[in-house]
């Protein structure tokens, strides 16, 4: 068995539990047996979230929110609880959760699903593929939201909200909705809006206003 360092605090826990086991069983208990027991029991109850945060994990995902009126809000790295406050409960919602590998995007989706009200869960489409979302599936997701009034959560590998929206241009055109972007002001976002207006060839359908809700 390889020799591994155990910090003082953890070792005191092992010693304390070993002494307790000796007292309860009336038999000699080896500390190595206690370590095996503690590891086995701990491995069975530790959560994915605890594993992600073992070294002080910092989420680096982002959340884009589409509303039925066509507004698109860049919520940034928002918690599921904060996102629920952003929702109008009686209306369906659509969000795209984006980020690179190991940024917490799928964890956000899982945590949000766990705390969604039952009425929203009953009419919900969730798409979290291992690869990039196909153009056909993307259009289906937008149609489900804008035409069928179904809530949609999709997760995608992407490094920015700008690239996310750019990928959604065809789906946005297909949904025939007038879109308004709500987000931080700046040349990059203005450039993105101008680019999308040019691609969509519908300048009047794109607006640019203020700063989105944090």
C-alpha atoms as a PDB file:
ATOM      1  CA  UNK A   1       0.000   0.000   0.000  1.00  0.00           C
ATOM      2  CA  UNK A   2       1.485   3.389  -0.999  1.00  0.00           C
ATOM      3  CA  UNK A   3       2.308   5.784   1.809  1.00  0.00           C
ATOM      4  CA  UNK A   4       0.213   8.972   1.631  1.00  0.00           C
ATOM      5  CA  UNK A   5       0.352  12.083   3.789  1.00  0.00           C
ATOM      6  CA  UNK A   6      -2.656  12.723   6.036  1.00  0.00           C
ATOM      7  CA  UNK A   7      -2.975  16.151   7.620  1.00  0.00           C
ATOM      8  CA  UNK A   8      -3.102  16.447  11.406  1.00  0.00           C
ATOM      9  CA  UNK A   9      -6.814  17.286  11.577  1.00  0.00           C
ATOM     10  CA  UNK A  10      -7.828  14.305   9.425  1.00  0.00           C
ATOM     11  CA  UNK A  11      -5.580  11.961  11.380  1.00  0.00           C
ATOM     12  CA  UNK A  12      -7.148  13.083  14.674  1.00  0.00           C
ATOM     13  CA  UNK A  13     -10.532  12.137  13.204  1.00  0.00           C
ATOM     14  CA  UNK A  14      -9.178   8.679  12.320  1.00  0.00           C
ATOM     15  CA  UNK A  15      -7.785   8.220  15.834  1.00  0.00           C
ATOM     16  CA  UNK A  16     -10.981   9.412  17.476  1.00  0.00           C
ATOM     17  CA  UNK A  17     -13.149   7.097  15.384  1.00  0.00           C
ATOM     18  CA  UNK A  18     -10.775   4.177  16.010  1.00  0.00           C
ATOM     19  CA  UNK A  19     -10.991   4.661  19.781  1.00  0.00           C
ATOM     20  CA  UNK A  20     -14.783   4.872  19.527  1.00  0.00           C
ATOM     21  CA  UNK A  21     -14.905   1.652  17.456  1.00  0.00           C
ATOM     22  CA  UNK A  22     -12.747  -0.162  20.042  1.00  0.00           C
ATOM     23  CA  UNK A  23     -15.070   0.968  22.813  1.00  0.00           C
ATOM     24  CA  UNK A  24     -18.209  -0.098  20.949  1.00  0.00           C
ATOM     25  CA  UNK A  25     -16.910  -3.409  19.638  1.00  0.00           C
ATOM     26  CA  UNK A  26     -14.701  -4.413  22.547  1.00  0.00           C
ATOM     27  CA  UNK A  27     -12.100  -5.545  20.034  1.00  0.00           C
ATOM     28  CA  UNK A  28      -8.834  -4.218  18.671  1.00  0.00           C
ATOM     29  CA  UNK A  29      -9.414  -2.033  15.598  1.00  0.00           C
ATOM     30  CA  UNK A  30      -6.598  -1.092  13.263  1.00  0.00           C
ATOM     31  CA  UNK A  31      -6.351   2.504  12.118  1.00  0.00           C
ATOM     32  CA  UNK A  32      -5.895   1.322   8.517  1.00  0.00           C
ATOM     33  CA  UNK A  33      -9.247  -0.498   8.749  1.00  0.00           C
ATOM     34  CA  UNK A  34     -10.850   2.694  10.051  1.00  0.00           C
ATOM     35  CA  UNK A  35      -9.378   4.696   7.151  1.00  0.00           C
ATOM     36  CA  UNK A  36     -10.863   2.191   4.657  1.00  0.00           C
ATOM     37  CA  UNK A  37     -14.274   2.441   6.361  1.00  0.00           C
ATOM     38  CA  UNK A  38     -14.288   6.236   6.426  1.00  0.00           C
ATOM     39  CA  UNK A  39     -13.242   6.462   2.766  1.00  0.00           C
ATOM     40  CA  UNK A  40     -15.862   3.926   1.679  1.00  0.00           C
ATOM     41  CA  UNK A  41     -18.643   5.687   3.606  1.00  0.00           C
ATOM     42  CA  UNK A  42     -17.569   9.150   2.451  1.00  0.00           C
ATOM     43  CA  UNK A  43     -17.350   8.120  -1.210  1.00  0.00           C
ATOM     44  CA  UNK A  44     -20.957   6.987  -1.043  1.00  0.00           C
ATOM     45  CA  UNK A  45     -22.387  10.302   0.129  1.00  0.00           C
ATOM     46  CA  UNK A  46     -20.142  12.974  -1.410  1.00  0.00           C
ATOM     47  CA  UNK A  47     -22.000  15.019  -4.042  1.00  0.00           C
ATOM     48  CA  UNK A  48     -20.908  16.099  -7.528  1.00  0.00           C
ATOM     49  CA  UNK A  49     -21.058  19.709  -6.354  1.00  0.00           C
ATOM     50  CA  UNK A  50     -18.689  18.968  -3.474  1.00  0.00           C
ATOM     51  CA  UNK A  51     -16.274  17.269  -5.868  1.00  0.00           C
ATOM     52  CA  UNK A  52     -16.372  20.267  -8.217  1.00  0.00           C
ATOM     53  CA  UNK A  53     -15.673  22.635  -5.333  1.00  0.00           C
ATOM     54  CA  UNK A  54     -12.907  20.557  -3.731  1.00  0.00           C
ATOM     55  CA  UNK A  55     -10.224  23.067  -4.767  1.00  0.00           C
ATOM     56  CA  UNK A  56     -12.326  26.187  -4.577  1.00  0.00           C
ATOM     57  CA  UNK A  57     -13.985  25.787  -8.003  1.00  0.00           C
ATOM     58  CA  UNK A  58     -15.177  29.062  -9.544  1.00  0.00           C
ATOM     59  CA  UNK A  59     -18.036  28.771 -12.067  1.00  0.00           C
ATOM     60  CA  UNK A  60     -17.257  30.348 -15.441  1.00  0.00           C
ATOM     61  CA  UNK A  61     -20.438  29.634 -17.372  1.00  0.00           C
ATOM     62  CA  UNK A  62     -22.851  32.227 -18.714  1.00  0.00           C
ATOM     63  CA  UNK A  63     -26.615  32.295 -19.158  1.00  0.00           C
ATOM     64  CA  UNK A  64     -28.536  33.858 -22.050  1.00  0.00           C
ATOM     65  CA  UNK A  65     -32.272  34.276 -21.559  1.00  0.00           C
ATOM     66  CA  UNK A  66     -34.808  34.641 -24.370  1.00  0.00           C
ATOM     67  CA  UNK A  67     -38.304  35.992 -23.632  1.00  0.00           C
ATOM     68  CA  UNK A  68     -41.446  35.547 -25.717  1.00  0.00           C
ATOM     69  CA  UNK A  69     -41.466  39.277 -26.496  1.00  0.00           C
ATOM     70  CA  UNK A  70     -38.105  38.838 -28.262  1.00  0.00           C
ATOM     71  CA  UNK A  71     -35.840  40.339 -25.605  1.00  0.00           C
ATOM     72  CA  UNK A  72     -32.513  38.573 -25.040  1.00  0.00           C
ATOM     73  CA  UNK A  73     -30.762  39.157 -21.731  1.00  0.00           C
ATOM     74  CA  UNK A  74     -27.163  38.255 -20.948  1.00  0.00           C
ATOM     75  CA  UNK A  75     -27.382  37.256 -17.279  1.00  0.00           C
ATOM     76  CA  UNK A  76     -23.714  36.315 -16.977  1.00  0.00           C
ATOM     77  CA  UNK A  77     -22.759  33.785 -14.284  1.00  0.00           C
ATOM     78  CA  UNK A  78     -26.024  33.781 -12.383  1.00  0.00           C
ATOM     79  CA  UNK A  79     -27.039  31.180  -9.785  1.00  0.00           C
ATOM     80  CA  UNK A  80     -30.128  29.005 -10.399  1.00  0.00           C
ATOM     81  CA  UNK A  81     -31.823  30.678  -7.435  1.00  0.00           C
ATOM     82  CA  UNK A  82     -31.154  34.154  -8.812  1.00  0.00           C
ATOM     83  CA  UNK A  83     -32.388  33.066 -12.244  1.00  0.00           C
ATOM     84  CA  UNK A  84     -35.686  31.903 -10.752  1.00  0.00           C
ATOM     85  CA  UNK A  85     -36.170  35.412  -9.381  1.00  0.00           C
ATOM     86  CA  UNK A  86     -35.719  36.688 -12.947  1.00  0.00           C
ATOM     87  CA  UNK A  87     -38.558  34.496 -14.224  1.00  0.00           C
ATOM     88  CA  UNK A  88     -42.170  35.441 -14.731  1.00  0.00           C
ATOM     89  CA  UNK A  89     -43.539  32.204 -13.284  1.00  0.00           C
ATOM     90  CA  UNK A  90     -46.679  32.071 -15.437  1.00  0.00           C
ATOM     91  CA  UNK A  91     -44.726  32.306 -18.697  1.00  0.00           C
ATOM     92  CA  UNK A  92     -42.438  29.775 -20.402  1.00  0.00           C
ATOM     93  CA  UNK A  93     -38.750  30.633 -20.620  1.00  0.00           C
ATOM     94  CA  UNK A  94     -35.783  29.723 -22.785  1.00  0.00           C
ATOM     95  CA  UNK A  95     -32.158  29.856 -21.670  1.00  0.00           C
ATOM     96  CA  UNK A  96     -28.881  28.893 -23.247  1.00  0.00           C
ATOM     97  CA  UNK A  97     -26.179  27.984 -20.754  1.00  0.00           C
ATOM     98  CA  UNK A  98     -22.735  28.364 -22.302  1.00  0.00           C
ATOM     99  CA  UNK A  99     -19.150  27.792 -21.261  1.00  0.00           C
ATOM    100  CA  UNK A 100     -16.035  25.811 -22.049  1.00  0.00           C
ATOM    101  CA  UNK A 101     -15.139  22.441 -20.519  1.00  0.00           C
ATOM    102  CA  UNK A 102     -15.403  22.234 -16.695  1.00  0.00           C
ATOM    103  CA  UNK A 103     -17.001  25.670 -16.267  1.00  0.00           C
ATOM    104  CA  UNK A 104     -20.096  24.486 -14.380  1.00  0.00           C
ATOM    105  CA  UNK A 105     -22.639  24.861 -17.198  1.00  0.00           C
ATOM    106  CA  UNK A 106     -24.194  21.394 -16.841  1.00  0.00           C
ATOM    107  CA  UNK A 107     -24.131  21.740 -13.058  1.00  0.00           C
ATOM    108  CA  UNK A 108     -26.184  24.946 -13.397  1.00  0.00           C
ATOM    109  CA  UNK A 109     -28.710  23.056 -15.533  1.00  0.00           C
ATOM    110  CA  UNK A 110     -28.972  20.210 -13.009  1.00  0.00           C
ATOM    111  CA  UNK A 111     -29.365  22.560 -10.047  1.00  0.00           C
ATOM    112  CA  UNK A 112     -31.986  24.616 -11.883  1.00  0.00           C
ATOM    113  CA  UNK A 113     -33.993  21.500 -12.753  1.00  0.00           C
ATOM    114  CA  UNK A 114     -33.906  20.492  -9.090  1.00  0.00           C
ATOM    115  CA  UNK A 115     -35.531  23.736  -7.936  1.00  0.00           C
ATOM    116  CA  UNK A 116     -37.929  24.500 -10.822  1.00  0.00           C
ATOM    117  CA  UNK A 117     -41.628  24.715  -9.889  1.00  0.00           C
ATOM    118  CA  UNK A 118     -43.689  21.716 -10.966  1.00  0.00           C
ATOM    119  CA  UNK A 119     -45.782  23.650 -13.497  1.00  0.00           C
ATOM    120  CA  UNK A 120     -42.653  24.670 -15.428  1.00  0.00           C
ATOM    121  CA  UNK A 121     -41.171  21.162 -15.293  1.00  0.00           C
ATOM    122  CA  UNK A 122     -44.361  19.776 -16.821  1.00  0.00           C
ATOM    123  CA  UNK A 123     -43.813  21.658 -20.079  1.00  0.00           C
ATOM    124  CA  UNK A 124     -40.042  21.683 -20.497  1.00  0.00           C
ATOM    125  CA  UNK A 125     -37.505  20.656 -23.145  1.00  0.00           C
ATOM    126  CA  UNK A 126     -33.915  20.058 -22.017  1.00  0.00           C
ATOM    127  CA  UNK A 127     -31.028  19.637 -24.445  1.00  0.00           C
ATOM    128  CA  UNK A 128     -27.494  18.981 -23.146  1.00  0.00           C
ATOM    129  CA  UNK A 129     -25.575  17.146 -25.879  1.00  0.00           C
ATOM    130  CA  UNK A 130     -21.947  16.115 -25.609  1.00  0.00           C
ATOM    131  CA  UNK A 131     -21.234  17.790 -28.942  1.00  0.00           C
ATOM    132  CA  UNK A 132     -22.290  21.103 -30.488  1.00  0.00           C
ATOM    133  CA  UNK A 133     -26.015  21.423 -31.079  1.00  0.00           C
ATOM    134  CA  UNK A 134     -26.939  20.752 -34.690  1.00  0.00           C
ATOM    135  CA  UNK A 135     -28.617  23.481 -36.728  1.00  0.00           C
ATOM    136  CA  UNK A 136     -31.723  21.307 -37.044  1.00  0.00           C
ATOM    137  CA  UNK A 137     -31.985  20.750 -33.284  1.00  0.00           C
ATOM    138  CA  UNK A 138     -31.386  24.436 -32.594  1.00  0.00           C
ATOM    139  CA  UNK A 139     -34.293  25.416 -34.837  1.00  0.00           C
ATOM    140  CA  UNK A 140     -36.482  22.807 -33.129  1.00  0.00           C
ATOM    141  CA  UNK A 141     -35.651  24.297 -29.732  1.00  0.00           C
ATOM    142  CA  UNK A 142     -36.532  27.826 -30.842  1.00  0.00           C
ATOM    143  CA  UNK A 143     -39.750  26.571 -32.444  1.00  0.00           C
ATOM    144  CA  UNK A 144     -40.681  24.756 -29.252  1.00  0.00           C
ATOM    145  CA  UNK A 145     -40.339  28.012 -27.325  1.00  0.00           C
ATOM    146  CA  UNK A 146     -41.717  30.654 -29.692  1.00  0.00           C
ATOM    147  CA  UNK A 147     -44.367  28.554 -31.449  1.00  0.00           C
ATOM    148  CA  UNK A 148     -45.350  25.867 -28.941  1.00  0.00           C
ATOM    149  CA  UNK A 149     -44.840  28.060 -25.844  1.00  0.00           C
ATOM    150  CA  UNK A 150     -42.684  25.400 -24.244  1.00  0.00           C
ATOM    151  CA  UNK A 151     -39.895  26.213 -21.768  1.00  0.00           C
ATOM    152  CA  UNK A 152     -36.434  25.318 -23.068  1.00  0.00           C
ATOM    153  CA  UNK A 153     -33.047  24.798 -21.414  1.00  0.00           C
ATOM    154  CA  UNK A 154     -30.098  24.069 -23.654  1.00  0.00           C
ATOM    155  CA  UNK A 155     -26.415  23.742 -22.831  1.00  0.00           C
ATOM    156  CA  UNK A 156     -23.689  24.500 -25.335  1.00  0.00           C
ATOM    157  CA  UNK A 157     -19.904  24.562 -25.495  1.00  0.00           C
ATOM    158  CA  UNK A 158     -19.077  28.210 -26.222  1.00  0.00           C
ATOM    159  CA  UNK A 159     -16.687  30.850 -24.930  1.00  0.00           C
ATOM    160  CA  UNK A 160     -18.969  33.908 -25.048  1.00  0.00           C
ATOM    161  CA  UNK A 161     -22.543  35.143 -25.339  1.00  0.00           C
ATOM    162  CA  UNK A 162     -21.674  36.766 -28.664  1.00  0.00           C
ATOM    163  CA  UNK A 163     -20.647  33.469 -30.258  1.00  0.00           C
ATOM    164  CA  UNK A 164     -23.729  31.801 -28.759  1.00  0.00           C
ATOM    165  CA  UNK A 165     -26.094  34.314 -30.358  1.00  0.00           C
ATOM    166  CA  UNK A 166     -24.213  34.196 -33.647  1.00  0.00           C
ATOM    167  CA  UNK A 167     -24.797  30.430 -33.758  1.00  0.00           C
ATOM    168  CA  UNK A 168     -28.501  31.025 -33.151  1.00  0.00           C
ATOM    169  CA  UNK A 169     -29.048  33.464 -36.035  1.00  0.00           C
ATOM    170  CA  UNK A 170     -30.766  30.952 -38.329  1.00  0.00           C
ATOM    171  CA  UNK A 171     -32.975  29.707 -35.519  1.00  0.00           C
ATOM    172  CA  UNK A 172     -33.850  33.310 -34.644  1.00  0.00           C
ATOM    173  CA  UNK A 173     -34.705  34.089 -38.269  1.00  0.00           C
ATOM    174  CA  UNK A 174     -36.775  30.922 -38.467  1.00  0.00           C
ATOM    175  CA  UNK A 175     -38.809  31.955 -35.405  1.00  0.00           C
ATOM    176  CA  UNK A 176     -39.754  35.295 -37.094  1.00  0.00           C
ATOM    177  CA  UNK A 177     -39.638  37.275 -33.851  1.00  0.00           C
ATOM    178  CA  UNK A 178     -38.453  40.873 -33.415  1.00  0.00           C
ATOM    179  CA  UNK A 179     -35.413  40.623 -31.138  1.00  0.00           C
ATOM    180  CA  UNK A 180     -34.108  43.194 -28.680  1.00  0.00           C
ATOM    181  CA  UNK A 181     -30.746  42.672 -26.983  1.00  0.00           C
ATOM    182  CA  UNK A 182     -30.429  43.655 -23.342  1.00  0.00           C
ATOM    183  CA  UNK A 183     -26.916  43.604 -21.948  1.00  0.00           C
ATOM    184  CA  UNK A 184     -23.808  45.515 -21.052  1.00  0.00           C
ATOM    185  CA  UNK A 185     -23.064  48.442 -23.314  1.00  0.00           C
ATOM    186  CA  UNK A 186     -19.864  48.415 -25.305  1.00  0.00           C
ATOM    187  CA  UNK A 187     -18.402  48.306 -28.785  1.00  0.00           C
ATOM    188  CA  UNK A 188     -18.226  44.502 -28.864  1.00  0.00           C
ATOM    189  CA  UNK A 189     -21.960  44.149 -28.226  1.00  0.00           C
ATOM    190  CA  UNK A 190     -22.854  46.932 -30.654  1.00  0.00           C
ATOM    191  CA  UNK A 191     -20.704  45.252 -33.283  1.00  0.00           C
ATOM    192  CA  UNK A 192     -22.463  41.967 -32.598  1.00  0.00           C
ATOM    193  CA  UNK A 193     -25.896  43.563 -32.989  1.00  0.00           C
ATOM    194  CA  UNK A 194     -24.866  45.289 -36.241  1.00  0.00           C
ATOM    195  CA  UNK A 195     -23.458  42.004 -37.549  1.00  0.00           C
ATOM    196  CA  UNK A 196     -26.635  40.106 -36.742  1.00  0.00           C
ATOM    197  CA  UNK A 197     -28.791  42.794 -38.306  1.00  0.00           C
ATOM    198  CA  UNK A 198     -26.750  42.477 -41.486  1.00  0.00           C
ATOM    199  CA  UNK A 199     -26.931  38.684 -41.509  1.00  0.00           C
ATOM    200  CA  UNK A 200     -30.655  38.663 -40.835  1.00  0.00           C
ATOM    201  CA  UNK A 201     -31.232  41.516 -43.318  1.00  0.00           C
ATOM    202  CA  UNK A 202     -33.884  42.857 -40.976  1.00  0.00           C
ATOM    203  CA  UNK A 203     -32.265  45.871 -39.240  1.00  0.00           C
ATOM    204  CA  UNK A 204     -35.571  47.036 -37.796  1.00  0.00           C
ATOM    205  CA  UNK A 205     -35.997  43.815 -35.831  1.00  0.00           C
ATOM    206  CA  UNK A 206     -32.855  44.326 -33.747  1.00  0.00           C
ATOM    207  CA  UNK A 207     -32.524  46.818 -30.919  1.00  0.00           C
ATOM    208  CA  UNK A 208     -29.866  47.667 -28.362  1.00  0.00           C
ATOM    209  CA  UNK A 209     -30.830  48.898 -24.931  1.00  0.00           C
ATOM    210  CA  UNK A 210     -29.248  49.496 -21.545  1.00  0.00           C
ATOM    211  CA  UNK A 211     -27.880  46.910 -19.158  1.00  0.00           C
ATOM    212  CA  UNK A 212     -29.517  43.612 -18.266  1.00  0.00           C
ATOM    213  CA  UNK A 213     -30.609  42.536 -14.817  1.00  0.00           C
ATOM    214  CA  UNK A 214     -27.761  40.984 -12.819  1.00  0.00           C
END
